[in-house]
């Protein structure tokens, strides 16, 4: 008897020791992750900011579009950031605060007057302003493997009604328990039985945070035990406010293509096109409803189900004196409206993002781009990008109308650069601008054909032996290759035009005249001109390069021609 008791005592001591060691390990894990950098924040990539100044070319159509893409809402008086008001050619814009690359700028209420397609007057605080920047449009992120995205918020910036609704719905005893709540579990079971359906969960907010932040969604008893102990440890070391703020930024609230929407800050922007501070009661209740099931209660995909959940939460808020019955009735009477999920302020530009990412990786580690929350400011012009996308769709539609068999079979790419600085202003990698995949603007290499001819004529002009009026010959060419094969280019109409001014050879894109001119000035010299125009690809000194038998991407060609356009 004593021997058995002795063994049981020893086992108990060993068990307590193992439990103590395990708890020390869990405690270290909790404190290390929660004290350090809590989240891997992807780099946010922005377009160029719209700079407003007197004399600037700016149509009312463009200004309206750029405000819409930046999630500005029209409201008389424009009394808060993110609002604007238009009266004819006069605009009042309450620009949001924004952390620009040269420092954070506060919110600014500005007046803009347009005349004849230009900014005529720009004022702030009843005084003329020389220059004001609008905040740039978000165009995408550089995400880690899990593709989580979030917009961090501080607890003090979150509407009290949202915090109250979250606590009432998910964990009414949050400010009373120490991480786990047996009373909460019992109350949830009773509420579910009374309702005849699942209306409350038994896990505390702290347990939910532990599951999302430290653990997995695995539903096993050992995992639940670990969750409970970690919740107790979290409550031991951190205040309720710290835990609540972490939860507000961690919780999963939806999916936008490849990226997950985490936290109420980003969810407010994604679903309603506004900051979390600007949410009304109905929107607050809608977002809180997503905690129970982000896909099931998605207000875009399942509006009726989401509205039912919203109204239930509004009822709970009224029952617990968070809002009055009048506020509940008013909020429940409003339709459930969300911002367009495909609006420019939330869509991504994958072709341009690929270019930005490739260039950034020359100076930054990919890990830093994916985790450090960097703000990347680029040269993309949303208005120009919009024009390119619309032009591409019009042209593709026109071509497909000529031949029904071409429907959805044609592809396209486009690169637009500024003349002086060489910045990429617009980039289209596919007929589907939001397609993540093969980027034709950067990777589709094709023989450039007649696009090579200006290089030949530029080489001739630089030699000093030719000018545009110089007489050159357009007649048959025959060059023997190493294997005895003959290179015999012809003009498009199979005719020869004899002696012509050099300018006609380029203007009429004559193959024979161009080939003869290139052979005369020298293949090596032409190849060297390609390189001096910025081409990094190898250019073999073969006669065929004179007529474009060299494969380049649209981006390569744009860079080459940009050098010519900027006069070197």
Protein backbone atom coordinates (compact mmCIF):
# COMPACT_ATOMS: atom_id res chain seq x y z
CA UNK A 1 0.00 0.00 0.00
CA UNK A 2 2.74 2.39 1.00
CA UNK A 3 4.77 1.39 -2.06
CA UNK A 4 1.85 2.18 -4.38
CA UNK A 5 1.27 5.50 -2.64
CA UNK A 6 4.97 6.30 -2.91
CA UNK A 7 4.94 5.61 -6.64
CA UNK A 8 1.83 7.73 -7.11
CA UNK A 9 3.47 10.55 -5.20
CA UNK A 10 6.59 10.31 -7.34
CA UNK A 11 4.51 10.31 -10.51
CA UNK A 12 2.62 13.35 -9.25
CA UNK A 13 5.88 15.17 -8.52
CA UNK A 14 7.22 14.29 -11.97
CA UNK A 15 3.93 15.39 -13.55
CA UNK A 16 4.02 18.71 -11.72
CA UNK A 17 7.64 19.21 -12.75
CA UNK A 18 6.85 18.45 -16.40
CA UNK A 19 3.84 20.77 -16.24
CA UNK A 20 5.99 23.50 -14.70
CA UNK A 21 8.64 23.15 -17.41
CA UNK A 22 5.95 23.18 -20.09
CA UNK A 23 4.36 26.30 -18.60
CA UNK A 24 7.74 28.03 -18.46
CA UNK A 25 8.21 27.18 -22.14
CA UNK A 26 4.72 28.44 -23.03
CA UNK A 27 5.30 31.59 -20.99
CA UNK A 28 8.53 32.32 -22.84
CA UNK A 29 6.81 31.69 -26.17
CA UNK A 30 3.91 34.01 -25.32
CA UNK A 31 6.11 36.84 -24.09
CA UNK A 32 8.64 36.57 -26.91
CA UNK A 33 6.03 36.79 -29.66
CA UNK A 34 3.74 39.29 -27.97
CA UNK A 35 6.51 41.63 -26.81
CA UNK A 36 8.25 41.62 -30.16
CA UNK A 37 6.97 42.43 -33.62
CA UNK A 38 3.50 40.94 -33.54
CA UNK A 39 2.81 40.91 -37.25
CA UNK A 40 4.66 40.57 -40.52
CA UNK A 41 3.45 43.64 -42.34
CA UNK A 42 3.71 43.54 -46.14
CA UNK A 43 5.10 46.53 -47.97
CA UNK A 44 2.30 48.75 -49.22
CA UNK A 45 2.86 50.05 -52.73
CA UNK A 46 1.38 53.38 -53.77
CA UNK A 47 0.92 55.22 -57.05
CA UNK A 48 2.23 58.72 -57.54
CA UNK A 49 0.42 61.34 -55.45
CA UNK A 50 -1.71 63.79 -57.41
CA UNK A 51 0.04 67.14 -56.97
CA UNK A 52 -2.23 70.18 -57.26
CA UNK A 53 -0.79 73.56 -58.26
CA UNK A 54 -2.01 76.60 -60.21
CA UNK A 55 -1.64 76.09 -63.96
CA UNK A 56 -1.64 72.29 -63.75
CA UNK A 57 -3.43 70.41 -66.54
CA UNK A 58 -6.36 68.76 -64.76
CA UNK A 59 -9.86 68.07 -66.03
CA UNK A 60 -12.90 67.82 -63.79
CA UNK A 61 -13.32 64.24 -65.01
CA UNK A 62 -9.83 63.29 -63.83
CA UNK A 63 -10.17 65.01 -60.46
CA UNK A 64 -13.53 63.30 -59.86
CA UNK A 65 -12.09 59.92 -60.82
CA UNK A 66 -8.99 60.24 -58.66
CA UNK A 67 -11.07 61.25 -55.64
CA UNK A 68 -13.35 58.27 -56.20
CA UNK A 69 -10.40 55.89 -56.54
CA UNK A 70 -9.03 57.22 -53.24
CA UNK A 71 -12.38 56.42 -51.54
CA UNK A 72 -13.48 60.04 -51.14
CA UNK A 73 -17.21 60.59 -50.72
CA UNK A 74 -19.16 63.59 -51.92
CA UNK A 75 -20.85 65.41 -49.04
CA UNK A 76 -22.08 68.98 -48.79
CA UNK A 77 -19.63 71.08 -46.84
CA UNK A 78 -16.87 68.43 -46.91
CA UNK A 79 -16.78 68.59 -43.11
CA UNK A 80 -14.39 65.71 -42.40
CA UNK A 81 -11.34 64.02 -43.95
CA UNK A 82 -12.22 61.80 -46.89
CA UNK A 83 -15.06 64.09 -48.06
CA UNK A 84 -15.36 66.52 -50.95
CA UNK A 85 -17.98 68.85 -52.37
CA UNK A 86 -18.31 70.21 -55.89
CA UNK A 87 -20.15 73.33 -57.02
CA UNK A 88 -19.57 73.77 -60.76
CA UNK A 89 -15.86 74.41 -61.27
CA UNK A 90 -15.23 74.95 -57.55
CA UNK A 91 -14.24 72.03 -55.35
CA UNK A 92 -13.77 71.71 -51.60
CA UNK A 93 -11.66 68.69 -50.63
CA UNK A 94 -10.87 67.59 -47.10
CA UNK A 95 -7.68 65.66 -47.70
CA UNK A 96 -6.80 62.94 -45.23
CA UNK A 97 -3.60 62.91 -43.21
CA UNK A 98 -0.92 60.78 -44.84
CA UNK A 99 2.70 59.70 -44.13
CA UNK A 100 4.51 60.86 -47.27
CA UNK A 101 8.13 59.89 -47.92
CA UNK A 102 9.35 63.28 -46.67
CA UNK A 103 7.20 63.38 -43.54
CA UNK A 104 3.66 62.99 -42.31
CA UNK A 105 1.20 65.68 -43.37
CA UNK A 106 -1.95 66.42 -41.35
CA UNK A 107 -5.45 66.49 -42.80
CA UNK A 108 -6.01 69.63 -44.89
CA UNK A 109 -9.21 71.28 -46.12
CA UNK A 110 -8.49 72.83 -49.51
CA UNK A 111 -10.35 74.73 -52.21
CA UNK A 112 -9.68 74.07 -55.89
CA UNK A 113 -11.02 76.02 -58.85
CA UNK A 114 -10.72 74.62 -62.37
CA UNK A 115 -10.90 76.62 -65.58
CA UNK A 116 -10.32 75.46 -69.16
CA UNK A 117 -8.91 72.11 -68.07
CA UNK A 118 -6.39 73.58 -65.63
CA UNK A 119 -6.11 74.39 -61.95
CA UNK A 120 -6.93 78.10 -61.85
CA UNK A 121 -6.77 78.68 -58.10
CA UNK A 122 -5.66 76.65 -55.07
CA UNK A 123 -6.45 77.88 -51.56
CA UNK A 124 -6.11 76.74 -47.97
CA UNK A 125 -7.19 78.67 -44.87
CA UNK A 126 -8.39 81.56 -47.08
CA UNK A 127 -4.90 82.00 -48.56
CA UNK A 128 -3.43 80.98 -51.91
CA UNK A 129 -1.41 77.75 -51.78
CA UNK A 130 1.45 77.02 -54.21
CA UNK A 131 1.27 73.21 -54.03
CA UNK A 132 -0.80 70.57 -52.24
CA UNK A 133 -0.40 66.82 -52.60
CA UNK A 134 -3.30 64.41 -52.42
CA UNK A 135 -2.57 61.09 -50.75
CA UNK A 136 -1.54 58.44 -53.30
CA UNK A 137 -3.70 55.51 -54.30
CA UNK A 138 -2.88 52.08 -52.88
CA UNK A 139 -1.99 49.78 -55.79
CA UNK A 140 -0.93 46.56 -54.07
CA UNK A 141 1.33 44.89 -51.57
CA UNK A 142 4.38 42.65 -51.44
CA UNK A 143 3.05 39.86 -49.26
CA UNK A 144 4.70 37.02 -47.34
CA UNK A 145 3.69 33.43 -48.10
CA UNK A 146 0.52 33.56 -45.96
CA UNK A 147 -0.67 36.68 -47.86
CA UNK A 148 -2.02 38.36 -44.72
CA UNK A 149 -2.73 42.06 -44.97
CA UNK A 150 -3.82 44.46 -42.26
CA UNK A 151 -4.06 48.15 -41.42
CA UNK A 152 -2.99 48.55 -37.81
CA UNK A 153 -5.23 50.60 -35.53
CA UNK A 154 -4.86 51.81 -31.97
CA UNK A 155 -7.57 51.04 -29.46
CA UNK A 156 -8.24 54.74 -28.91
CA UNK A 157 -8.93 55.19 -32.63
CA UNK A 158 -11.61 52.50 -32.72
CA UNK A 159 -15.23 53.62 -32.12
CA UNK A 160 -16.31 52.66 -28.58
CA UNK A 161 -19.48 51.17 -30.08
CA UNK A 162 -17.37 48.68 -32.05
CA UNK A 163 -15.44 47.59 -28.97
CA UNK A 164 -18.66 47.26 -26.98
CA UNK A 165 -20.39 45.30 -29.75
CA UNK A 166 -17.43 42.94 -30.03
CA UNK A 167 -17.30 42.29 -26.28
CA UNK A 168 -21.07 41.84 -25.96
CA UNK A 169 -21.23 39.46 -28.90
CA UNK A 170 -18.07 37.43 -28.43
CA UNK A 171 -17.15 37.62 -24.73
CA UNK A 172 -19.45 39.53 -22.40
CA UNK A 173 -17.30 38.76 -19.35
CA UNK A 174 -14.06 39.84 -21.06
CA UNK A 175 -13.21 42.47 -18.45
CA UNK A 176 -13.95 40.07 -15.57
CA UNK A 177 -12.24 36.75 -16.38
CA UNK A 178 -8.56 35.77 -16.46
CA UNK A 179 -8.45 34.33 -19.95
CA UNK A 180 -10.98 31.53 -19.65
CA UNK A 181 -14.55 31.85 -18.44
CA UNK A 182 -16.53 28.86 -17.21
CA UNK A 183 -19.50 31.15 -16.69
CA UNK A 184 -19.18 32.33 -20.28
CA UNK A 185 -19.14 28.76 -21.55
CA UNK A 186 -22.25 27.91 -19.54
CA UNK A 187 -24.05 31.09 -20.63
CA UNK A 188 -23.22 30.44 -24.29
CA UNK A 189 -24.57 26.90 -24.06
CA UNK A 190 -27.80 28.18 -22.48
CA UNK A 191 -28.22 30.95 -25.09
CA UNK A 192 -27.68 28.50 -27.93
CA UNK A 193 -30.27 26.09 -26.50
CA UNK A 194 -32.83 28.88 -26.06
CA UNK A 195 -32.27 30.23 -29.58
CA UNK A 196 -32.31 26.79 -31.13
CA UNK A 197 -29.19 27.71 -33.05
CA UNK A 198 -25.63 28.87 -32.49
CA UNK A 199 -25.66 32.54 -31.40
CA UNK A 200 -22.72 32.67 -28.98
CA UNK A 201 -19.34 30.98 -28.67
CA UNK A 202 -17.76 29.63 -25.50
CA UNK A 203 -14.18 30.77 -26.13
CA UNK A 204 -13.13 34.08 -24.65
CA UNK A 205 -11.65 36.83 -26.79
CA UNK A 206 -8.30 36.00 -25.22
CA UNK A 207 -8.60 32.36 -26.26
CA UNK A 208 -9.60 33.40 -29.78
CA UNK A 209 -6.55 35.66 -29.95
CA UNK A 210 -4.29 32.85 -28.75
CA UNK A 211 -5.72 30.48 -31.36
CA UNK A 212 -5.28 32.99 -34.20
CA UNK A 213 -1.98 34.46 -33.06
CA UNK A 214 -0.06 31.47 -31.68
CA UNK A 215 -1.81 28.25 -32.69
CA UNK A 216 -3.72 26.59 -35.52
CA UNK A 217 -7.39 25.80 -36.11
CA UNK A 218 -6.83 22.16 -35.11
CA UNK A 219 -9.71 20.94 -32.92
CA UNK A 220 -8.16 18.49 -30.46
CA UNK A 221 -8.23 18.29 -26.68
CA UNK A 222 -4.45 18.84 -26.24
CA UNK A 223 -4.64 21.94 -28.43
CA UNK A 224 -7.59 23.30 -26.43
CA UNK A 225 -5.70 22.70 -23.17
CA UNK A 226 -2.67 24.53 -24.56
CA UNK A 227 -4.94 27.37 -25.69
CA UNK A 228 -6.41 27.70 -22.19
CA UNK A 229 -3.01 27.83 -20.47
CA UNK A 230 -1.65 30.33 -23.00
CA UNK A 231 -4.74 32.51 -22.50
CA UNK A 232 -4.08 32.53 -18.75
CA UNK A 233 -0.43 33.45 -19.32
CA UNK A 234 -1.40 36.21 -21.75
CA UNK A 235 -3.79 37.70 -19.20
CA UNK A 236 -1.09 37.43 -16.52
CA UNK A 237 1.42 39.58 -18.42
CA UNK A 238 -0.71 42.02 -20.41
CA UNK A 239 -3.58 44.38 -19.78
CA UNK A 240 -7.07 43.92 -21.16
CA UNK A 241 -6.51 46.95 -23.39
CA UNK A 242 -3.35 45.45 -24.92
CA UNK A 243 -5.10 42.14 -25.56
CA UNK A 244 -8.12 43.85 -27.06
CA UNK A 245 -5.99 46.00 -29.36
CA UNK A 246 -4.11 42.93 -30.56
CA UNK A 247 -7.40 41.15 -31.24
CA UNK A 248 -8.76 44.09 -33.24
CA UNK A 249 -5.71 43.89 -35.51
CA UNK A 250 -5.40 40.10 -35.73
CA UNK A 251 -8.89 38.72 -36.39
CA UNK A 252 -9.59 37.36 -39.89
CA UNK A 253 -12.47 39.21 -41.57
CA UNK A 254 -12.41 38.28 -45.24
CA UNK A 255 -10.56 37.49 -48.43
CA UNK A 256 -9.69 39.70 -51.40
CA UNK A 257 -8.24 37.49 -54.09
CA UNK A 258 -4.81 36.36 -52.94
CA UNK A 259 -4.69 38.49 -49.77
CA UNK A 260 -6.54 37.91 -46.52
CA UNK A 261 -8.25 40.83 -44.79
CA UNK A 262 -7.13 40.87 -41.16
CA UNK A 263 -8.17 43.34 -38.51
CA UNK A 264 -10.95 45.90 -38.32
CA UNK A 265 -8.81 48.70 -39.76
CA UNK A 266 -8.38 47.05 -43.15
CA UNK A 267 -11.87 45.51 -43.07
CA UNK A 268 -13.44 48.98 -42.72
CA UNK A 269 -11.45 50.13 -45.75
CA UNK A 270 -12.17 46.99 -47.77
CA UNK A 271 -15.91 46.65 -47.16
CA UNK A 272 -16.96 50.28 -46.75
CA UNK A 273 -14.19 52.41 -48.27
CA UNK A 274 -13.56 54.39 -45.10
CA UNK A 275 -11.39 54.40 -41.99
CA UNK A 276 -12.56 52.59 -38.89
CA UNK A 277 -13.19 55.99 -37.25
CA UNK A 278 -15.81 56.83 -39.87
CA UNK A 279 -17.99 53.72 -39.48
CA UNK A 280 -21.65 54.18 -38.59
CA UNK A 281 -23.51 51.84 -36.22
CA UNK A 282 -24.80 49.55 -38.96
CA UNK A 283 -21.32 49.16 -40.43
CA UNK A 284 -19.86 48.51 -36.98
CA UNK A 285 -22.38 45.72 -36.40
CA UNK A 286 -21.73 44.27 -39.87
CA UNK A 287 -17.99 43.99 -39.25
CA UNK A 288 -18.48 42.50 -35.79
CA UNK A 289 -20.80 39.96 -37.39
CA UNK A 290 -17.95 38.79 -39.63
CA UNK A 291 -16.01 37.51 -36.60
CA UNK A 292 -18.36 34.55 -36.38
CA UNK A 293 -17.81 33.61 -40.03
CA UNK A 294 -16.14 35.94 -42.51
CA UNK A 295 -17.24 33.96 -45.56
CA UNK A 296 -20.68 32.94 -44.27
CA UNK A 297 -21.62 36.51 -43.33
CA UNK A 298 -19.81 38.26 -46.19
CA UNK A 299 -22.02 41.32 -46.89
CA UNK A 300 -21.21 41.25 -50.61
CA UNK A 301 -21.80 37.57 -51.27
CA UNK A 302 -24.53 36.97 -48.69
CA UNK A 303 -26.21 40.35 -48.07
CA UNK A 304 -29.44 38.97 -46.57
CA UNK A 305 -27.57 36.72 -44.15
CA UNK A 306 -25.18 39.55 -43.24
CA UNK A 307 -28.08 41.94 -42.64
CA UNK A 308 -29.79 39.44 -40.36
CA UNK A 309 -26.57 39.07 -38.37
CA UNK A 310 -26.10 42.86 -38.31
CA UNK A 311 -29.60 43.41 -36.96
CA UNK A 312 -29.09 40.74 -34.30
CA UNK A 313 -25.94 42.48 -33.06
CA UNK A 314 -27.68 45.88 -33.11
CA UNK A 315 -30.36 44.30 -30.93
CA UNK A 316 -27.74 43.04 -28.48
CA UNK A 317 -26.19 46.51 -28.39
CA UNK A 318 -29.57 48.05 -27.51
CA UNK A 319 -30.33 45.36 -24.91
CA UNK A 320 -27.02 46.16 -23.20
CA UNK A 321 -27.52 49.95 -23.34
CA UNK A 322 -24.68 50.53 -25.78
CA UNK A 323 -27.14 52.30 -28.07
CA UNK A 324 -30.70 53.48 -27.62
CA UNK A 325 -33.76 51.79 -29.11
CA UNK A 326 -34.13 54.76 -31.45
CA UNK A 327 -30.56 54.27 -32.72
CA UNK A 328 -31.21 50.54 -33.14
CA UNK A 329 -34.40 51.11 -35.14
CA UNK A 330 -32.69 53.72 -37.31
CA UNK A 331 -29.64 51.50 -37.98
CA UNK A 332 -31.74 48.40 -38.67
CA UNK A 333 -33.87 50.38 -41.10
CA UNK A 334 -30.92 51.23 -43.33
CA UNK A 335 -30.04 49.01 -46.30
CA UNK A 336 -26.78 47.11 -46.11
CA UNK A 337 -24.50 48.93 -48.55
CA UNK A 338 -20.85 48.15 -49.23
CA UNK A 339 -18.20 49.81 -51.38
CA UNK A 340 -17.46 48.29 -54.78
CA UNK A 341 -14.94 45.49 -54.28
CA UNK A 342 -13.41 46.21 -57.70
CA UNK A 343 -12.92 49.92 -57.11
CA UNK A 344 -9.48 51.28 -57.89
CA UNK A 345 -8.73 52.03 -54.25
CA UNK A 346 -8.73 48.29 -53.45
CA UNK A 347 -7.71 46.60 -56.69
CA UNK A 348 -4.11 45.68 -57.41
CA UNK A 349 -1.96 46.28 -60.47
CA UNK A 350 -0.02 43.02 -60.81
CA UNK A 351 1.99 43.93 -63.92
CA UNK A 352 3.35 47.11 -62.37
CA UNK A 353 3.84 45.40 -58.99
CA UNK A 354 6.07 42.79 -60.62
CA UNK A 355 8.26 45.53 -62.07
CA UNK A 356 8.39 47.40 -58.75
CA UNK A 357 9.25 44.25 -56.84
CA UNK A 358 12.07 43.33 -59.24
CA UNK A 359 13.60 46.80 -58.98
CA UNK A 360 13.19 46.97 -55.20
CA UNK A 361 14.98 43.65 -54.72
CA UNK A 362 18.15 45.26 -56.05
CA UNK A 363 18.33 47.31 -52.83
CA UNK A 364 16.15 45.44 -50.31
CA UNK A 365 15.92 41.89 -49.08
CA UNK A 366 12.67 40.18 -50.08
CA UNK A 367 12.11 39.32 -46.41
CA UNK A 368 12.16 43.02 -45.49
CA UNK A 369 9.75 43.87 -48.29
CA UNK A 370 7.36 41.20 -47.04
CA UNK A 371 7.51 41.86 -43.30
CA UNK A 372 8.65 45.38 -42.35
CA UNK A 373 5.56 47.36 -43.34
CA UNK A 374 7.46 49.60 -45.75
CA UNK A 375 5.63 52.26 -47.75
CA UNK A 376 6.78 52.17 -51.37
CA UNK A 377 6.01 55.22 -53.50
CA UNK A 378 6.10 54.63 -57.25
CA UNK A 379 5.58 56.53 -60.49
CA UNK A 380 2.36 54.79 -61.61
CA UNK A 381 -0.18 57.34 -62.84
CA UNK A 382 -3.69 55.92 -62.12
CA UNK A 383 -5.35 58.22 -64.66
CA UNK A 384 -2.94 57.19 -67.39
CA UNK A 385 -3.24 53.53 -66.39
CA UNK A 386 -7.02 53.83 -66.63
CA UNK A 387 -6.74 55.35 -70.11
CA UNK A 388 -4.39 52.57 -71.28
CA UNK A 389 -6.68 49.83 -69.97
CA UNK A 390 -9.74 51.34 -71.65
CA UNK A 391 -7.90 51.87 -74.94
CA UNK A 392 -6.68 48.26 -74.91
CA UNK A 393 -10.20 46.94 -74.34
CA UNK A 394 -11.62 49.09 -77.13
CA UNK A 395 -8.99 47.95 -79.61
CA UNK A 396 -9.32 44.28 -78.68
CA UNK A 397 -13.10 44.48 -79.02
CA UNK A 398 -12.77 46.12 -82.44
CA UNK A 399 -10.40 43.39 -83.65
CA UNK A 400 -12.61 40.60 -82.31
CA UNK A 401 -15.67 42.02 -84.05
CA UNK A 402 -13.93 41.49 -87.38
CA UNK A 403 -13.44 37.79 -86.71
CA UNK A 404 -15.65 35.91 -84.24
CA UNK A 405 -13.04 33.14 -83.88
CA UNK A 406 -10.73 35.64 -82.16
CA UNK A 407 -13.13 36.16 -79.24
CA UNK A 408 -11.12 36.12 -75.99
CA UNK A 409 -8.10 34.76 -77.89
CA UNK A 410 -6.13 37.96 -78.36
CA UNK A 411 -3.68 39.32 -75.81
CA UNK A 412 -2.00 42.66 -75.35
CA UNK A 413 0.65 44.56 -73.41
CA UNK A 414 1.57 48.21 -73.02
CA UNK A 415 4.29 50.34 -71.43
CA UNK A 416 4.01 54.12 -71.02
CA UNK A 417 7.00 56.15 -69.84
CA UNK A 418 7.57 59.84 -69.23
CA UNK A 419 9.77 61.56 -71.80
CA UNK A 420 12.09 63.51 -69.52
CA UNK A 421 12.58 61.23 -66.53
CA UNK A 422 11.95 57.82 -68.05
CA UNK A 423 9.56 56.86 -65.23
CA UNK A 424 7.06 54.13 -65.98
CA UNK A 425 3.63 55.78 -65.80
CA UNK A 426 1.45 52.86 -66.89
CA UNK A 427 2.00 49.16 -67.47
CA UNK A 428 -0.38 46.56 -68.88
CA UNK A 429 0.69 42.92 -68.85
CA UNK A 430 -2.48 41.23 -70.07
CA UNK A 431 -5.93 41.93 -71.47
CA UNK A 432 -7.05 41.29 -67.89
CA UNK A 433 -5.35 44.08 -65.91
CA UNK A 434 -5.82 42.30 -62.56
CA UNK A 435 -4.35 39.00 -63.76
CA UNK A 436 -1.48 37.61 -61.68
CA UNK A 437 0.57 35.47 -64.02
CA UNK A 438 2.56 35.81 -67.22
CA UNK A 439 3.43 39.49 -67.56
CA UNK A 440 3.64 40.17 -71.28
CA UNK A 441 4.93 43.70 -70.80
CA UNK A 442 8.08 42.36 -69.14
CA UNK A 443 8.42 38.76 -70.29
CA UNK A 444 6.88 38.37 -73.76
CA UNK A 445 9.88 38.62 -76.05
CA UNK A 446 9.12 38.89 -79.74
CA UNK A 447 11.10 39.90 -82.83
CA UNK A 448 10.77 43.69 -82.97
CA UNK A 449 10.76 43.94 -86.77
CA UNK A 450 10.58 47.49 -88.11
CA UNK A 451 10.98 48.94 -84.62
CA UNK A 452 14.70 48.38 -85.19
CA UNK A 453 14.87 50.65 -88.24
CA UNK A 454 15.19 53.99 -86.38
CA UNK A 455 18.34 52.58 -84.75
CA UNK A 456 19.87 52.04 -88.20
CA UNK A 457 19.07 55.59 -89.32
CA UNK A 458 20.28 57.05 -86.01
CA UNK A 459 23.59 55.24 -86.48
CA UNK A 460 23.87 56.70 -89.99
CA UNK A 461 23.17 60.24 -88.76
CA UNK A 462 25.69 59.90 -85.92
CA UNK A 463 28.38 58.76 -88.37
CA UNK A 464 28.49 62.27 -89.83
CA UNK A 465 28.32 60.92 -93.39
CA UNK A 466 24.55 61.18 -93.76
CA UNK A 467 21.70 63.60 -93.25
CA UNK A 468 17.99 63.22 -93.92
CA UNK A 469 18.43 64.49 -97.46
CA UNK A 470 21.25 62.10 -98.34
CA UNK A 471 20.52 59.83 -101.30
CA UNK A 472 20.50 56.10 -100.56
CA UNK A 473 19.60 53.14 -102.75
CA UNK A 474 16.56 50.93 -102.41
CA UNK A 475 17.27 47.82 -104.44
CA UNK A 476 17.60 44.10 -103.88
CA UNK A 477 20.00 42.86 -101.19
CA UNK A 478 21.64 39.45 -101.07
CA UNK A 479 24.00 38.43 -98.26
CA UNK A 480 25.46 34.94 -97.92
CA UNK A 481 25.44 33.42 -94.44
CA UNK A 482 28.00 31.04 -92.89
CA UNK A 483 26.13 27.98 -94.13
CA UNK A 484 25.69 29.31 -97.62
CA UNK A 485 22.14 30.50 -96.93
CA UNK A 486 21.16 33.77 -98.54
CA UNK A 487 19.57 36.67 -96.69
CA UNK A 488 17.43 38.48 -99.27
CA UNK A 489 14.96 40.90 -97.64
CA UNK A 490 12.26 42.50 -99.76
CA UNK A 491 9.97 45.48 -99.33
CA UNK A 492 6.40 44.85 -98.19
CA UNK A 493 5.09 45.44 -101.74
CA UNK A 494 7.92 43.46 -103.41
CA UNK A 495 9.00 46.57 -105.35
CA UNK A 496 12.29 48.47 -105.50
CA UNK A 497 12.39 52.28 -105.60
CA UNK A 498 15.97 53.00 -106.62
CA UNK A 499 17.62 56.18 -105.38
CA UNK A 500 15.61 57.93 -102.65
CA UNK A 501 16.21 60.54 -99.91
CA UNK A 502 17.19 58.86 -96.67
CA UNK A 503 14.14 60.30 -94.91
CA UNK A 504 11.88 58.35 -97.30
CA UNK A 505 13.58 55.09 -96.40
CA UNK A 506 12.46 55.46 -92.79
CA UNK A 507 9.13 57.16 -93.47
CA UNK A 508 8.09 54.40 -95.88
CA UNK A 509 9.74 51.64 -93.80
CA UNK A 510 11.62 50.26 -96.81
CA UNK A 511 13.42 47.03 -95.94
CA UNK A 512 15.91 47.06 -98.80
CA UNK A 513 16.99 50.66 -98.28
CA UNK A 514 17.38 50.11 -94.53
CA UNK A 515 19.39 46.91 -94.99
CA UNK A 516 21.76 48.55 -97.49
CA UNK A 517 22.22 51.59 -95.25
CA UNK A 518 22.95 49.42 -92.21
CA UNK A 519 25.48 47.30 -94.08
CA UNK A 520 27.21 50.48 -95.26
CA UNK A 521 27.52 52.14 -91.82
CA UNK A 522 28.55 48.82 -90.25
CA UNK A 523 26.79 46.08 -88.29
CA UNK A 524 29.06 46.62 -85.29
CA UNK A 525 28.16 50.30 -85.16
CA UNK A 526 24.42 49.51 -85.30
CA UNK A 527 24.79 46.92 -82.52
CA UNK A 528 26.66 49.50 -80.44
CA UNK A 529 23.82 52.01 -80.93
CA UNK A 530 21.36 49.45 -79.57
CA UNK A 531 23.47 49.19 -76.42
CA UNK A 532 23.88 52.95 -76.05
CA UNK A 533 20.09 53.28 -76.23
CA UNK A 534 19.97 51.27 -73.01
CA UNK A 535 19.45 47.75 -74.32
CA UNK A 536 21.04 45.17 -72.02
CA UNK A 537 20.26 42.15 -74.22
CA UNK A 538 22.98 40.74 -76.43
CA UNK A 539 22.80 42.11 -79.99
CA UNK A 540 24.74 39.88 -82.42
CA UNK A 541 26.23 41.76 -85.40
CA UNK A 542 24.21 39.86 -88.00
CA UNK A 543 22.56 41.54 -91.01
CA UNK A 544 19.10 40.40 -89.85
CA UNK A 545 19.24 42.72 -86.80
CA UNK A 546 18.88 45.64 -89.21
CA UNK A 547 15.27 44.59 -89.83
CA UNK A 548 14.50 43.60 -86.24
CA UNK A 549 15.44 39.92 -85.99
CA UNK A 550 16.07 40.42 -82.29
CA UNK A 551 13.60 39.40 -79.59
CA UNK A 552 12.74 42.03 -77.00
CA UNK A 553 9.91 42.66 -74.54
CA UNK A 554 7.64 45.73 -74.75
CA UNK A 555 9.47 47.06 -71.67
CA UNK A 556 12.84 46.73 -73.45
CA UNK A 557 11.54 48.53 -76.53
CA UNK A 558 9.96 51.30 -74.45
CA UNK A 559 13.27 51.90 -72.70
CA UNK A 560 15.09 52.07 -76.02
CA UNK A 561 12.63 54.53 -77.55
CA UNK A 562 12.47 56.58 -74.36
CA UNK A 563 16.16 57.35 -74.82
CA UNK A 564 15.42 58.63 -78.32
CA UNK A 565 12.38 60.63 -77.16
CA UNK A 566 14.39 62.36 -74.44
CA UNK A 567 17.13 63.16 -76.98
CA UNK A 568 19.60 60.89 -75.29
